[in-house]
Amino acid sequence: MIPPATAPSAPGAGEEHARVGRLAADAGISLLVTVGGDDARVMVDAPKQARPGLEIVESRDRDHALTVARELLRPGGVVLVKSSHSVGLEHVAVCLAQPDPVSDGR
């Protein structure tokens, strides 16, 4: 899951988000979940071009990202959560590290 900051982007941030999106696609990931607005869209466009078959889910907020990850994560799956602190995805990382209390324990 790779979200943008909710604060205004720094100069050059768009290219950095595109670069991170391309790196994610090049790393061979099977799913990219983004959180946020314009910067997240930049991050989505780059890997779409690099790997057209990559599954990409654009989440509206951290709770939606957590729900998506819980639904799509398979046993043995690996999750990288990368974000600025302003988005608060450390909450998602902590929750994913624990068994899901409302499902089959994933």
C-alpha atoms as a PDB file:
ATOM      1  CA  MET A   1       0.000   0.000   0.000  1.00  0.00           C
ATOM      2  CA  ILE A   2       1.503   3.227  -1.074  1.00  0.00           C
ATOM      3  CA  PRO A   3      -0.338   6.461  -0.366  1.00  0.00           C
ATOM      4  CA  PRO A   4       0.550  10.072  -0.965  1.00  0.00           C
ATOM      5  CA  ALA A   5       0.685  12.692   1.723  1.00  0.00           C
ATOM      6  CA  THR A   6      -2.556  14.518   2.361  1.00  0.00           C
ATOM      7  CA  ALA A   7      -0.612  17.738   2.810  1.00  0.00           C
ATOM      8  CA  PRO A   8       0.308  19.760  -0.281  1.00  0.00           C
ATOM      9  CA  SER A   9       2.978  18.042  -2.346  1.00  0.00           C
ATOM     10  CA  ALA A  10       6.523  19.305  -2.398  1.00  0.00           C
ATOM     11  CA  PRO A  11       7.996  20.374  -5.733  1.00  0.00           C
ATOM     12  CA  GLY A  12       8.942  17.250  -7.674  1.00  0.00           C
ATOM     13  CA  ALA A  13       6.701  15.010  -5.567  1.00  0.00           C
ATOM     14  CA  GLY A  14       4.671  13.923  -8.581  1.00  0.00           C
ATOM     15  CA  GLU A  15       7.743  12.483 -10.297  1.00  0.00           C
ATOM     16  CA  GLU A  16       8.777  10.757  -7.056  1.00  0.00           C
ATOM     17  CA  HIS A  17       5.333   9.153  -6.748  1.00  0.00           C
ATOM     18  CA  ALA A  18       5.546   8.015 -10.379  1.00  0.00           C
ATOM     19  CA  ARG A  19       9.021   6.597  -9.700  1.00  0.00           C
ATOM     20  CA  VAL A  20       7.745   4.659  -6.665  1.00  0.00           C
ATOM     21  CA  GLY A  21       4.870   3.303  -8.754  1.00  0.00           C
ATOM     22  CA  ARG A  22       7.281   2.128 -11.455  1.00  0.00           C
ATOM     23  CA  LEU A  23       9.553   0.536  -8.826  1.00  0.00           C
ATOM     24  CA  ALA A  24       6.570  -1.331  -7.385  1.00  0.00           C
ATOM     25  CA  ALA A  25       5.650  -2.653 -10.825  1.00  0.00           C
ATOM     26  CA  ASP A  26       9.270  -3.592 -11.606  1.00  0.00           C
ATOM     27  CA  ALA A  27       9.531  -5.468  -8.290  1.00  0.00           C
ATOM     28  CA  GLY A  28       6.907  -7.904  -9.515  1.00  0.00           C
ATOM     29  CA  ILE A  29       4.174  -7.148  -6.996  1.00  0.00           C
ATOM     30  CA  SER A  30       0.754  -8.564  -7.762  1.00  0.00           C
ATOM     31  CA  LEU A  31      -1.371  -5.878  -6.088  1.00  0.00           C
ATOM     32  CA  LEU A  32      -0.922  -2.153  -5.511  1.00  0.00           C
ATOM     33  CA  VAL A  33      -3.296  -0.396  -3.117  1.00  0.00           C
ATOM     34  CA  THR A  34      -3.056   3.372  -3.071  1.00  0.00           C
ATOM     35  CA  VAL A  35      -4.673   5.847  -0.708  1.00  0.00           C
ATOM     36  CA  GLY A  36      -5.418   9.437  -1.500  1.00  0.00           C
ATOM     37  CA  GLY A  37      -5.890  11.950  -4.248  1.00  0.00           C
ATOM     38  CA  ASP A  38      -3.799  13.327  -7.078  1.00  0.00           C
ATOM     39  CA  ASP A  39      -0.447  11.910  -5.955  1.00  0.00           C
ATOM     40  CA  ALA A  40      -2.016   8.466  -5.667  1.00  0.00           C
ATOM     41  CA  ARG A  41      -3.324   8.767  -9.227  1.00  0.00           C
ATOM     42  CA  VAL A  42       0.193   9.572 -10.440  1.00  0.00           C
ATOM     43  CA  MET A  43       1.405   6.480  -8.601  1.00  0.00           C
ATOM     44  CA  VAL A  44      -1.292   4.400 -10.318  1.00  0.00           C
ATOM     45  CA  ASP A  45      -0.640   5.624 -13.858  1.00  0.00           C
ATOM     46  CA  ALA A  46       3.065   4.732 -13.925  1.00  0.00           C
ATOM     47  CA  PRO A  47       2.722   1.036 -13.016  1.00  0.00           C
ATOM     48  CA  LYS A  48      -0.304   0.649 -15.298  1.00  0.00           C
ATOM     49  CA  GLN A  49       1.952   1.563 -18.191  1.00  0.00           C
ATOM     50  CA  ALA A  50       4.836  -0.617 -16.956  1.00  0.00           C
ATOM     51  CA  ARG A  51       2.703  -3.715 -16.180  1.00  0.00           C
ATOM     52  CA  PRO A  52      -0.781  -3.572 -17.678  1.00  0.00           C
ATOM     53  CA  GLY A  53      -1.910  -6.740 -15.816  1.00  0.00           C
ATOM     54  CA  LEU A  54      -1.040  -5.410 -12.357  1.00  0.00           C
ATOM     55  CA  GLU A  55      -4.073  -5.312 -10.053  1.00  0.00           C
ATOM     56  CA  ILE A  56      -4.488  -1.788  -8.681  1.00  0.00           C
ATOM     57  CA  VAL A  57      -7.031  -0.665  -6.108  1.00  0.00           C
ATOM     58  CA  GLU A  58      -7.452   3.022  -5.341  1.00  0.00           C
ATOM     59  CA  SER A  59      -8.646   3.409  -1.744  1.00  0.00           C
ATOM     60  CA  ARG A  60     -10.431   6.471  -0.420  1.00  0.00           C
ATOM     61  CA  ASP A  61      -8.868   6.286   3.061  1.00  0.00           C
ATOM     62  CA  ARG A  62      -6.841   4.091   5.401  1.00  0.00           C
ATOM     63  CA  ASP A  63      -9.863   2.101   6.626  1.00  0.00           C
ATOM     64  CA  HIS A  64     -10.839   1.240   3.066  1.00  0.00           C
ATOM     65  CA  ALA A  65      -7.210   0.252   2.331  1.00  0.00           C
ATOM     66  CA  LEU A  66      -7.238  -2.049   5.361  1.00  0.00           C
ATOM     67  CA  THR A  67     -10.493  -3.667   4.238  1.00  0.00           C
ATOM     68  CA  VAL A  68      -9.134  -4.180   0.715  1.00  0.00           C
ATOM     69  CA  ALA A  69      -5.872  -5.642   2.011  1.00  0.00           C
ATOM     70  CA  ARG A  70      -7.685  -8.019   4.372  1.00  0.00           C
ATOM     71  CA  GLU A  71      -9.958  -9.193   1.539  1.00  0.00           C
ATOM     72  CA  LEU A  72      -7.172  -9.722  -0.996  1.00  0.00           C
ATOM     73  CA  LEU A  73      -4.227 -10.830   1.126  1.00  0.00           C
ATOM     74  CA  ARG A  74      -3.555 -14.545   0.911  1.00  0.00           C
ATOM     75  CA  PRO A  75      -1.691 -16.751   3.399  1.00  0.00           C
ATOM     76  CA  GLY A  76       2.034 -16.220   2.972  1.00  0.00           C
ATOM     77  CA  GLY A  77       1.469 -12.882   1.272  1.00  0.00           C
ATOM     78  CA  VAL A  78       3.827 -10.003   1.952  1.00  0.00           C
ATOM     79  CA  VAL A  79       2.721  -6.407   2.443  1.00  0.00           C
ATOM     80  CA  LEU A  80       4.849  -3.291   2.184  1.00  0.00           C
ATOM     81  CA  VAL A  81       3.187  -0.249   3.732  1.00  0.00           C
ATOM     82  CA  LYS A  82       4.872   2.951   2.608  1.00  0.00           C
ATOM     83  CA  SER A  83       3.450   6.327   3.496  1.00  0.00           C
ATOM     84  CA  SER A  84       3.984   9.692   5.029  1.00  0.00           C
ATOM     85  CA  HIS A  85       2.895   9.974   8.645  1.00  0.00           C
ATOM     86  CA  SER A  86       0.132  12.395   7.675  1.00  0.00           C
ATOM     87  CA  VAL A  87      -1.822   9.563   6.048  1.00  0.00           C
ATOM     88  CA  GLY A  88      -1.645   7.363   9.141  1.00  0.00           C
ATOM     89  CA  LEU A  89      -1.055   4.026   7.477  1.00  0.00           C
ATOM     90  CA  GLU A  90       0.950   2.783  10.424  1.00  0.00           C
ATOM     91  CA  HIS A  91      -2.532   1.867  11.723  1.00  0.00           C
ATOM     92  CA  VAL A  92      -2.986  -0.381   8.673  1.00  0.00           C
ATOM     93  CA  ALA A  93       0.428  -1.991   9.197  1.00  0.00           C
ATOM     94  CA  VAL A  94      -0.331  -2.726  12.861  1.00  0.00           C
ATOM     95  CA  CYS A  95      -3.752  -4.173  12.027  1.00  0.00           C
ATOM     96  CA  LEU A  96      -2.389  -6.367   9.231  1.00  0.00           C
ATOM     97  CA  ALA A  97       0.221  -7.781  11.598  1.00  0.00           C
ATOM     98  CA  GLN A  98      -2.586  -9.064  13.857  1.00  0.00           C
ATOM     99  CA  PRO A  99      -5.185 -11.756  13.122  1.00  0.00           C
ATOM    100  CA  ASP A 100      -8.392 -10.298  11.723  1.00  0.00           C
ATOM    101  CA  PRO A 101     -11.004 -10.593  14.499  1.00  0.00           C
ATOM    102  CA  VAL A 102     -13.959 -10.686  12.072  1.00  0.00           C
ATOM    103  CA  SER A 103     -12.702 -13.183   9.503  1.00  0.00           C
ATOM    104  CA  ASP A 104     -10.963 -16.512   9.512  1.00  0.00           C
ATOM    105  CA  GLY A 105      -7.971 -15.098  11.391  1.00  0.00           C
ATOM    106  CA  ARG A 106      -6.083 -13.701   8.393  1.00  0.00           C
END
